[in-house]
Amino acid sequence: MPNFTDYQAASLYLALNMILLLVLGYRTVKVRQKTGIGLGHDDNEEMIRAMRIHANFAEYVPLPLIGLFALGPLGAPVWFIHVLGGVFTAARYAHAFGFTAPEGKRPAGRFYGILLTALVLLVESVALLYFIFTG
């Protein structure tokens, strides 16, 4: 692995998440084309699912990525930014593509995506506070 700076490490996870945002947007457009729904969801289950996956990503991704950029200047080691960024990015990909499961079962990708996203949010919040107050 290259010898990243804190800014490069955070930028790596920003780029990987930006790609996923584009993929999810594309998938939503494809469902719109397939169903002929131009605006909203028209109570179509497939459209609702595509919209919610895309929206969930847009809701949960910005603050953790901003946090990655804040950690470096506050003194967090680059390896820590990589751990948080890597786990977070894997969680978002798992959530985005983990919506299939046998009937009556909870989708594992979605479950672990949510769980790991929440864990990263918690660890990152605590880390930010730690580096802010211990300077």
C-alpha atoms as a PDB file:
ATOM      1  CA  MET A   1       0.000   0.000   0.000  1.00  0.00           C
ATOM      2  CA  PRO A   2       1.334   3.457  -0.807  1.00  0.00           C
ATOM      3  CA  ASN A   3       2.483   5.709   1.990  1.00  0.00           C
ATOM      4  CA  PHE A   4      -0.689   7.815   2.235  1.00  0.00           C
ATOM      5  CA  THR A   5      -1.033  11.139   3.972  1.00  0.00           C
ATOM      6  CA  ASP A   6      -4.116  11.600   6.129  1.00  0.00           C
ATOM      7  CA  TYR A   7      -5.707  13.668   3.365  1.00  0.00           C
ATOM      8  CA  GLN A   8      -4.997  11.029   0.706  1.00  0.00           C
ATOM      9  CA  ALA A   9      -6.406   8.292   2.948  1.00  0.00           C
ATOM     10  CA  ALA A  10      -9.645  10.189   3.518  1.00  0.00           C
ATOM     11  CA  SER A  11      -9.811  11.062  -0.197  1.00  0.00           C
ATOM     12  CA  LEU A  12      -9.562   7.383  -1.121  1.00  0.00           C
ATOM     13  CA  TYR A  13     -12.745   6.583   0.802  1.00  0.00           C
ATOM     14  CA  LEU A  14     -14.442   9.686  -0.547  1.00  0.00           C
ATOM     15  CA  ALA A  15     -13.719   8.510  -4.103  1.00  0.00           C
ATOM     16  CA  LEU A  16     -14.931   4.959  -3.453  1.00  0.00           C
ATOM     17  CA  ASN A  17     -18.158   6.247  -1.914  1.00  0.00           C
ATOM     18  CA  MET A  18     -18.695   8.720  -4.751  1.00  0.00           C
ATOM     19  CA  ILE A  19     -18.520   5.812  -7.204  1.00  0.00           C
ATOM     20  CA  LEU A  20     -21.130   3.941  -5.179  1.00  0.00           C
ATOM     21  CA  LEU A  21     -23.392   7.002  -5.169  1.00  0.00           C
ATOM     22  CA  LEU A  22     -23.221   7.088  -8.972  1.00  0.00           C
ATOM     23  CA  VAL A  23     -23.974   3.353  -9.195  1.00  0.00           C
ATOM     24  CA  LEU A  24     -26.995   3.686  -6.893  1.00  0.00           C
ATOM     25  CA  GLY A  25     -28.259   6.693  -8.844  1.00  0.00           C
ATOM     26  CA  TYR A  26     -27.896   4.727 -12.074  1.00  0.00           C
ATOM     27  CA  ARG A  27     -29.786   1.780 -10.595  1.00  0.00           C
ATOM     28  CA  THR A  28     -32.604   4.117  -9.535  1.00  0.00           C
ATOM     29  CA  VAL A  29     -32.791   5.600 -13.046  1.00  0.00           C
ATOM     30  CA  LYS A  30     -32.920   2.107 -14.558  1.00  0.00           C
ATOM     31  CA  VAL A  31     -35.900   1.224 -12.339  1.00  0.00           C
ATOM     32  CA  ARG A  32     -37.579   4.490 -13.357  1.00  0.00           C
ATOM     33  CA  GLN A  33     -37.089   3.584 -17.018  1.00  0.00           C
ATOM     34  CA  LYS A  34     -38.358   0.041 -16.475  1.00  0.00           C
ATOM     35  CA  THR A  35     -41.464   1.115 -14.553  1.00  0.00           C
ATOM     36  CA  GLY A  36     -42.150   4.360 -16.410  1.00  0.00           C
ATOM     37  CA  ILE A  37     -42.336   6.259 -13.104  1.00  0.00           C
ATOM     38  CA  GLY A  38     -40.938   9.723 -13.676  1.00  0.00           C
ATOM     39  CA  LEU A  39     -41.429  11.239 -10.228  1.00  0.00           C
ATOM     40  CA  GLY A  40     -41.972   9.660  -6.839  1.00  0.00           C
ATOM     41  CA  HIS A  41     -42.597   5.932  -6.475  1.00  0.00           C
ATOM     42  CA  ASP A  42     -46.258   5.419  -7.416  1.00  0.00           C
ATOM     43  CA  ASP A  43     -46.455   2.793  -4.634  1.00  0.00           C
ATOM     44  CA  ASN A  44     -44.267   0.526  -6.770  1.00  0.00           C
ATOM     45  CA  GLU A  45     -42.235  -1.753  -4.452  1.00  0.00           C
ATOM     46  CA  GLU A  46     -39.235  -1.942  -6.782  1.00  0.00           C
ATOM     47  CA  MET A  47     -39.164   1.844  -7.154  1.00  0.00           C
ATOM     48  CA  ILE A  48     -39.522   2.406  -3.411  1.00  0.00           C
ATOM     49  CA  ARG A  49     -36.649   0.005  -2.748  1.00  0.00           C
ATOM     50  CA  ALA A  50     -34.333   1.660  -5.301  1.00  0.00           C
ATOM     51  CA  MET A  51     -35.175   5.126  -4.001  1.00  0.00           C
ATOM     52  CA  ARG A  52     -34.640   4.157  -0.347  1.00  0.00           C
ATOM     53  CA  ILE A  53     -31.297   2.453  -1.008  1.00  0.00           C
ATOM     54  CA  HIS A  54     -30.104   5.569  -2.821  1.00  0.00           C
ATOM     55  CA  ALA A  55     -31.562   7.930  -0.208  1.00  0.00           C
ATOM     56  CA  ASN A  56     -30.185   5.923   2.713  1.00  0.00           C
ATOM     57  CA  PHE A  57     -26.733   6.232   1.196  1.00  0.00           C
ATOM     58  CA  ALA A  58     -27.154   9.990   0.738  1.00  0.00           C
ATOM     59  CA  GLU A  59     -28.383  10.322   4.331  1.00  0.00           C
ATOM     60  CA  TYR A  60     -25.657   8.335   6.065  1.00  0.00           C
ATOM     61  CA  VAL A  61     -22.490   8.974   4.049  1.00  0.00           C
ATOM     62  CA  PRO A  62     -21.639  12.701   4.228  1.00  0.00           C
ATOM     63  CA  LEU A  63     -20.877  13.153   7.937  1.00  0.00           C
ATOM     64  CA  PRO A  64     -18.623  10.111   8.360  1.00  0.00           C
ATOM     65  CA  LEU A  65     -16.619  11.187   5.305  1.00  0.00           C
ATOM     66  CA  ILE A  66     -16.285  14.717   6.650  1.00  0.00           C
ATOM     67  CA  GLY A  67     -15.159  13.133   9.910  1.00  0.00           C
ATOM     68  CA  LEU A  68     -12.378  11.250   8.106  1.00  0.00           C
ATOM     69  CA  PHE A  69     -11.068  14.552   6.758  1.00  0.00           C
ATOM     70  CA  ALA A  70     -11.275  16.149  10.209  1.00  0.00           C
ATOM     71  CA  LEU A  71      -9.382  13.369  11.964  1.00  0.00           C
ATOM     72  CA  GLY A  72      -6.070  13.912  10.154  1.00  0.00           C
ATOM     73  CA  PRO A  73      -5.484  17.559  11.089  1.00  0.00           C
ATOM     74  CA  LEU A  74      -6.518  16.719  14.650  1.00  0.00           C
ATOM     75  CA  GLY A  75      -3.663  14.216  14.899  1.00  0.00           C
ATOM     76  CA  ALA A  76      -5.242  10.833  14.177  1.00  0.00           C
ATOM     77  CA  PRO A  77      -2.816   8.333  12.644  1.00  0.00           C
ATOM     78  CA  VAL A  78      -3.272   7.462   8.975  1.00  0.00           C
ATOM     79  CA  TRP A  79      -3.818   3.768   9.789  1.00  0.00           C
ATOM     80  CA  PHE A  80      -6.809   4.763  11.941  1.00  0.00           C
ATOM     81  CA  ILE A  81      -8.321   6.765   9.076  1.00  0.00           C
ATOM     82  CA  HIS A  82      -7.839   3.720   6.829  1.00  0.00           C
ATOM     83  CA  VAL A  83      -9.524   1.404   9.319  1.00  0.00           C
ATOM     84  CA  LEU A  84     -12.531   3.681   9.767  1.00  0.00           C
ATOM     85  CA  GLY A  85     -12.736   4.501   6.054  1.00  0.00           C
ATOM     86  CA  GLY A  86     -12.333   0.889   4.985  1.00  0.00           C
ATOM     87  CA  VAL A  87     -14.915  -0.492   7.393  1.00  0.00           C
ATOM     88  CA  PHE A  88     -17.331   2.323   6.588  1.00  0.00           C
ATOM     89  CA  THR A  89     -16.967   1.895   2.827  1.00  0.00           C
ATOM     90  CA  ALA A  90     -17.359  -1.892   3.069  1.00  0.00           C
ATOM     91  CA  ALA A  91     -20.460  -1.345   5.217  1.00  0.00           C
ATOM     92  CA  ARG A  92     -22.021   0.998   2.672  1.00  0.00           C
ATOM     93  CA  TYR A  93     -21.318  -1.409  -0.211  1.00  0.00           C
ATOM     94  CA  ALA A  94     -22.745  -4.296   1.841  1.00  0.00           C
ATOM     95  CA  HIS A  95     -25.850  -2.267   2.622  1.00  0.00           C
ATOM     96  CA  ALA A  96     -26.324  -1.154  -0.982  1.00  0.00           C
ATOM     97  CA  PHE A  97     -26.007  -4.611  -2.502  1.00  0.00           C
ATOM     98  CA  GLY A  98     -27.217  -6.737   0.394  1.00  0.00           C
ATOM     99  CA  PHE A  99     -30.960  -6.480  -0.056  1.00  0.00           C
ATOM    100  CA  THR A 100     -31.554 -10.030  -1.211  1.00  0.00           C
ATOM    101  CA  ALA A 101     -32.336 -12.886   1.146  1.00  0.00           C
ATOM    102  CA  PRO A 102     -34.535 -15.966   1.175  1.00  0.00           C
ATOM    103  CA  GLU A 103     -38.181 -15.377   2.026  1.00  0.00           C
ATOM    104  CA  GLY A 104     -38.654 -14.593   5.707  1.00  0.00           C
ATOM    105  CA  LYS A 105     -34.934 -13.950   6.339  1.00  0.00           C
ATOM    106  CA  ARG A 106     -33.284 -10.619   7.088  1.00  0.00           C
ATOM    107  CA  PRO A 107     -30.817  -9.643   4.332  1.00  0.00           C
ATOM    108  CA  ALA A 108     -27.344 -10.157   5.859  1.00  0.00           C
ATOM    109  CA  GLY A 109     -25.662  -7.438   3.788  1.00  0.00           C
ATOM    110  CA  ARG A 110     -28.196  -4.878   4.828  1.00  0.00           C
ATOM    111  CA  PHE A 111     -28.006  -5.904   8.489  1.00  0.00           C
ATOM    112  CA  TYR A 112     -24.201  -5.834   8.677  1.00  0.00           C
ATOM    113  CA  GLY A 113     -24.070  -2.665   6.595  1.00  0.00           C
ATOM    114  CA  ILE A 114     -26.290  -0.871   9.099  1.00  0.00           C
ATOM    115  CA  LEU A 115     -24.470  -2.344  12.094  1.00  0.00           C
ATOM    116  CA  LEU A 116     -20.989  -1.439  10.831  1.00  0.00           C
ATOM    117  CA  THR A 117     -22.101   2.028   9.712  1.00  0.00           C
ATOM    118  CA  ALA A 118     -23.417   2.717  13.211  1.00  0.00           C
ATOM    119  CA  LEU A 119     -20.229   1.344  14.775  1.00  0.00           C
ATOM    120  CA  VAL A 120     -18.033   3.569  12.604  1.00  0.00           C
ATOM    121  CA  LEU A 121     -20.205   6.595  13.427  1.00  0.00           C
ATOM    122  CA  LEU A 122     -19.811   5.900  17.129  1.00  0.00           C
ATOM    123  CA  VAL A 123     -16.049   5.230  17.016  1.00  0.00           C
ATOM    124  CA  GLU A 124     -15.435   8.210  14.759  1.00  0.00           C
ATOM    125  CA  SER A 125     -17.473  10.508  17.028  1.00  0.00           C
ATOM    126  CA  VAL A 126     -15.552   9.400  20.097  1.00  0.00           C
ATOM    127  CA  ALA A 127     -12.232   9.677  18.237  1.00  0.00           C
ATOM    128  CA  LEU A 128     -13.033  13.199  17.069  1.00  0.00           C
ATOM    129  CA  LEU A 129     -13.869  14.247  20.616  1.00  0.00           C
ATOM    130  CA  TYR A 130     -10.703  12.562  21.916  1.00  0.00           C
ATOM    131  CA  PHE A 131      -8.420  14.304  19.406  1.00  0.00           C
ATOM    132  CA  ILE A 132     -10.205  17.634  19.903  1.00  0.00           C
ATOM    133  CA  PHE A 133      -9.750  17.625  23.663  1.00  0.00           C
ATOM    134  CA  THR A 134      -6.327  15.994  23.895  1.00  0.00           C
ATOM    135  CA  GLY A 135      -4.897  18.033  21.017  1.00  0.00           C
END
